[in-house]
Amino acid sequence: MKKAELKKLDKRQLDSKLNELRRDIMKLNAQRASGTPPENPGRIRAIRKTMARIITYSKQKDKEVKNK
């Protein structure tokens, strides 16, 4: 997901997207642990980066709400 798309989402949508990505990464890590090569190895890294972005934007939105 692109940064601009993530910035437009509200806190609830960010949380749901984060949960979805956590489920995806658990599936990919399970595949890797069982010895099955993942279809797209770069996808794990991309998911982690997106998760970090979502967490960052979520914290920023929390600070904005507290400062109002």
Protein backbone atom coordinates (compact mmCIF):
# COMPACT_ATOMS: atom_id res chain seq x y z
CA MET A 1 0.00 0.00 0.00
CA LYS A 2 1.25 3.47 -0.79
CA LYS A 3 2.07 6.05 1.86
CA ALA A 4 -0.52 8.51 0.60
CA GLU A 5 -3.23 5.86 0.82
CA LEU A 6 -2.26 5.04 4.40
CA LYS A 7 -2.29 8.69 5.47
CA LYS A 8 -5.89 9.04 4.32
CA LEU A 9 -7.15 6.15 6.45
CA ASP A 10 -8.59 6.75 9.90
CA LYS A 11 -7.46 4.94 13.07
CA ARG A 12 -10.02 2.13 12.82
CA GLN A 13 -9.15 1.38 9.20
CA LEU A 14 -5.44 1.39 10.02
CA ASP A 15 -6.02 -1.11 12.81
CA SER A 16 -8.02 -3.44 10.58
CA LYS A 17 -5.37 -3.25 7.84
CA LEU A 18 -2.67 -4.01 10.40
CA ASN A 19 -4.53 -7.09 11.62
CA GLU A 20 -4.95 -8.28 8.05
CA LEU A 21 -1.22 -7.89 7.38
CA ARG A 22 -0.36 -9.72 10.60
CA ARG A 23 -2.44 -12.69 9.46
CA ASP A 24 -0.71 -12.64 6.06
CA ILE A 25 2.77 -12.57 7.56
CA MET A 26 1.91 -15.42 9.94
CA LYS A 27 0.90 -17.55 6.95
CA LEU A 28 4.10 -16.68 5.08
CA ASN A 29 6.28 -17.37 8.13
CA ALA A 30 4.55 -20.72 8.62
CA GLN A 31 5.29 -21.63 5.01
CA ARG A 32 8.92 -20.65 5.45
CA ALA A 33 9.22 -22.60 8.72
CA SER A 34 7.77 -25.74 7.17
CA GLY A 35 10.39 -25.64 4.44
CA THR A 36 8.06 -24.64 1.62
CA PRO A 37 9.60 -21.84 -0.41
CA PRO A 38 7.27 -18.82 -0.52
CA GLU A 39 5.91 -17.78 -3.91
CA ASN A 40 7.30 -14.28 -3.50
CA PRO A 41 10.08 -13.97 -0.90
CA GLY A 42 10.10 -10.17 -1.18
CA ARG A 43 6.50 -10.07 -0.01
CA ILE A 44 7.55 -10.75 3.61
CA ARG A 45 9.79 -7.70 3.64
CA ALA A 46 7.14 -5.54 1.98
CA ILE A 47 4.54 -6.60 4.57
CA ARG A 48 6.89 -5.77 7.43
CA LYS A 49 7.57 -2.31 5.99
CA THR A 50 3.89 -1.64 5.50
CA MET A 51 3.15 -2.76 9.04
CA ALA A 52 5.79 -0.35 10.36
CA ARG A 53 4.26 2.49 8.35
CA ILE A 54 0.79 1.71 9.66
CA ILE A 55 2.02 1.66 13.25
CA THR A 56 3.78 5.00 12.71
CA TYR A 57 0.72 6.67 11.19
CA SER A 58 -1.47 5.23 13.91
CA LYS A 59 0.72 6.72 16.62
CA GLN A 60 0.77 10.07 14.81
CA LYS A 61 -3.02 10.09 14.70
CA ASP A 62 -3.14 9.29 18.43
CA LYS A 63 -0.90 12.30 19.15
CA GLU A 64 -3.10 14.55 16.99
CA VAL A 65 -6.19 13.50 18.93
CA LYS A 66 -4.47 14.09 22.29
CA ASN A 67 -3.23 17.55 21.24
CA LYS A 68 -6.72 18.75 20.24
